[in-house]
Amino acid sequence: MPGLLVIGAVYYFFIRYFKKGNTFFIILFFLLTAFFVLKASTIHRTGDQSVNTQFHYLLSGIIIITGIGAFFLIPFLFRNKKFEEYVL
């Protein structure tokens, strides 16, 4: 996923240039995830209400999964020594 690669670069920027970069990053991406889920519910894709509702659920799910990867998994894997040893 190229999106998580970019988010990882943003995470590196935060921890490199801010004193509490890890905390700022987690808060920022948690808020961005919540904002984008709310915005996804207002998208009007088609005239069929059933298709619109299904689209809102699917898009919200994708945003939530990516958000969890951003504000939980990236900081966790960055600090995990076993991940560094066995995967990298």
C-alpha atoms as a PDB file:
ATOM      1  CA  MET A   1       0.000   0.000   0.000  1.00  0.00           C
ATOM      2  CA  PRO A   2       1.659   3.236  -1.058  1.00  0.00           C
ATOM      3  CA  GLY A   3      -0.601   5.189   1.327  1.00  0.00           C
ATOM      4  CA  LEU A   4       0.882   3.551   4.399  1.00  0.00           C
ATOM      5  CA  LEU A   5       4.364   4.144   2.987  1.00  0.00           C
ATOM      6  CA  VAL A   6       3.642   7.878   2.851  1.00  0.00           C
ATOM      7  CA  ILE A   7       2.132   7.772   6.348  1.00  0.00           C
ATOM      8  CA  GLY A   8       5.305   6.036   7.533  1.00  0.00           C
ATOM      9  CA  ALA A   9       7.386   8.870   6.072  1.00  0.00           C
ATOM     10  CA  VAL A  10       5.178  11.377   7.882  1.00  0.00           C
ATOM     11  CA  TYR A  11       5.673   9.408  11.104  1.00  0.00           C
ATOM     12  CA  TYR A  12       9.438   9.527  10.661  1.00  0.00           C
ATOM     13  CA  PHE A  13       9.232  13.306  10.121  1.00  0.00           C
ATOM     14  CA  PHE A  14       7.197  13.715  13.320  1.00  0.00           C
ATOM     15  CA  ILE A  15       9.511  11.680  15.540  1.00  0.00           C
ATOM     16  CA  ARG A  16      12.589  13.271  14.026  1.00  0.00           C
ATOM     17  CA  TYR A  17      11.611  16.957  14.299  1.00  0.00           C
ATOM     18  CA  PHE A  18       9.192  17.140  17.247  1.00  0.00           C
ATOM     19  CA  LYS A  19       9.974  16.394  20.866  1.00  0.00           C
ATOM     20  CA  LYS A  20       6.693  14.497  21.459  1.00  0.00           C
ATOM     21  CA  GLY A  21       6.319  13.507  17.819  1.00  0.00           C
ATOM     22  CA  ASN A  22       4.900  10.063  18.552  1.00  0.00           C
ATOM     23  CA  THR A  23       2.030  11.508  20.593  1.00  0.00           C
ATOM     24  CA  PHE A  24       1.327  14.276  18.062  1.00  0.00           C
ATOM     25  CA  PHE A  25       1.290  11.741  15.236  1.00  0.00           C
ATOM     26  CA  ILE A  26      -1.168   9.426  16.988  1.00  0.00           C
ATOM     27  CA  ILE A  27      -3.502  12.287  17.893  1.00  0.00           C
ATOM     28  CA  LEU A  28      -3.301  13.807  14.410  1.00  0.00           C
ATOM     29  CA  PHE A  29      -4.082  10.580  12.590  1.00  0.00           C
ATOM     30  CA  PHE A  30      -6.823   9.617  15.029  1.00  0.00           C
ATOM     31  CA  LEU A  31      -8.498  12.978  14.375  1.00  0.00           C
ATOM     32  CA  LEU A  32      -7.943  12.691  10.613  1.00  0.00           C
ATOM     33  CA  THR A  33      -9.482   9.220  10.611  1.00  0.00           C
ATOM     34  CA  ALA A  34     -12.545  10.450  12.504  1.00  0.00           C
ATOM     35  CA  PHE A  35     -12.854  13.471  10.184  1.00  0.00           C
ATOM     36  CA  PHE A  36     -12.637  11.375   7.023  1.00  0.00           C
ATOM     37  CA  VAL A  37     -15.187   8.854   8.316  1.00  0.00           C
ATOM     38  CA  LEU A  38     -17.604  11.720   8.966  1.00  0.00           C
ATOM     39  CA  LYS A  39     -16.925  13.189   5.527  1.00  0.00           C
ATOM     40  CA  ALA A  40     -17.416   9.790   3.874  1.00  0.00           C
ATOM     41  CA  SER A  41     -20.970   9.665   5.190  1.00  0.00           C
ATOM     42  CA  THR A  42     -21.859  12.856   3.294  1.00  0.00           C
ATOM     43  CA  ILE A  43     -20.724  11.682  -0.150  1.00  0.00           C
ATOM     44  CA  HIS A  44     -23.542  11.425  -2.681  1.00  0.00           C
ATOM     45  CA  ARG A  45     -22.348   8.941  -5.295  1.00  0.00           C
ATOM     46  CA  THR A  46     -25.549   7.938  -7.069  1.00  0.00           C
ATOM     47  CA  GLY A  47     -29.282   8.510  -7.023  1.00  0.00           C
ATOM     48  CA  ASP A  48     -29.996   5.064  -5.582  1.00  0.00           C
ATOM     49  CA  GLN A  49     -30.142   5.325  -1.780  1.00  0.00           C
ATOM     50  CA  SER A  50     -29.294   1.653  -1.279  1.00  0.00           C
ATOM     51  CA  VAL A  51     -26.094   1.931  -3.327  1.00  0.00           C
ATOM     52  CA  ASN A  52     -25.172   5.156  -1.511  1.00  0.00           C
ATOM     53  CA  THR A  53     -25.568   3.488   1.886  1.00  0.00           C
ATOM     54  CA  GLN A  54     -23.478   0.493   0.848  1.00  0.00           C
ATOM     55  CA  PHE A  55     -20.802   2.816  -0.532  1.00  0.00           C
ATOM     56  CA  HIS A  56     -20.701   4.787   2.732  1.00  0.00           C
ATOM     57  CA  TYR A  57     -20.168   1.590   4.754  1.00  0.00           C
ATOM     58  CA  LEU A  58     -17.451   0.282   2.449  1.00  0.00           C
ATOM     59  CA  LEU A  59     -15.583   3.582   2.275  1.00  0.00           C
ATOM     60  CA  SER A  60     -15.843   4.078   6.032  1.00  0.00           C
ATOM     61  CA  GLY A  61     -14.425   0.586   6.580  1.00  0.00           C
ATOM     62  CA  ILE A  62     -11.460   1.284   4.325  1.00  0.00           C
ATOM     63  CA  ILE A  63     -10.781   4.585   6.086  1.00  0.00           C
ATOM     64  CA  ILE A  64     -10.996   2.974   9.543  1.00  0.00           C
ATOM     65  CA  ILE A  65      -8.658   0.117   8.590  1.00  0.00           C
ATOM     66  CA  THR A  66      -6.116   2.543   7.118  1.00  0.00           C
ATOM     67  CA  GLY A  67      -6.472   4.806  10.158  1.00  0.00           C
ATOM     68  CA  ILE A  68      -5.794   1.934  12.556  1.00  0.00           C
ATOM     69  CA  GLY A  69      -2.737   1.076  10.501  1.00  0.00           C
ATOM     70  CA  ALA A  70      -1.623   4.678  10.703  1.00  0.00           C
ATOM     71  CA  PHE A  71      -2.120   5.601  14.347  1.00  0.00           C
ATOM     72  CA  PHE A  72      -1.571   2.198  15.931  1.00  0.00           C
ATOM     73  CA  LEU A  73       0.457  -0.202  13.782  1.00  0.00           C
ATOM     74  CA  ILE A  74       3.116   2.133  12.396  1.00  0.00           C
ATOM     75  CA  PRO A  75       4.250   3.414  15.823  1.00  0.00           C
ATOM     76  CA  PHE A  76       4.032  -0.114  17.268  1.00  0.00           C
ATOM     77  CA  LEU A  77       6.108  -1.699  14.518  1.00  0.00           C
ATOM     78  CA  PHE A  78       8.618   1.141  14.557  1.00  0.00           C
ATOM     79  CA  ARG A  79       9.416   0.457  18.221  1.00  0.00           C
ATOM     80  CA  ASN A  80       9.241  -3.360  17.986  1.00  0.00           C
ATOM     81  CA  LYS A  81      12.719  -4.922  18.090  1.00  0.00           C
ATOM     82  CA  LYS A  82      11.550  -8.383  16.979  1.00  0.00           C
ATOM     83  CA  PHE A  83       9.965  -6.868  13.865  1.00  0.00           C
ATOM     84  CA  GLU A  84      13.223  -5.104  13.099  1.00  0.00           C
ATOM     85  CA  GLU A  85      15.263  -8.264  13.705  1.00  0.00           C
ATOM     86  CA  TYR A  86      13.169 -10.793  11.806  1.00  0.00           C
ATOM     87  CA  VAL A  87      11.494  -8.764   9.057  1.00  0.00           C
ATOM     88  CA  LEU A  88      13.878  -5.952   8.255  1.00  0.00           C
END
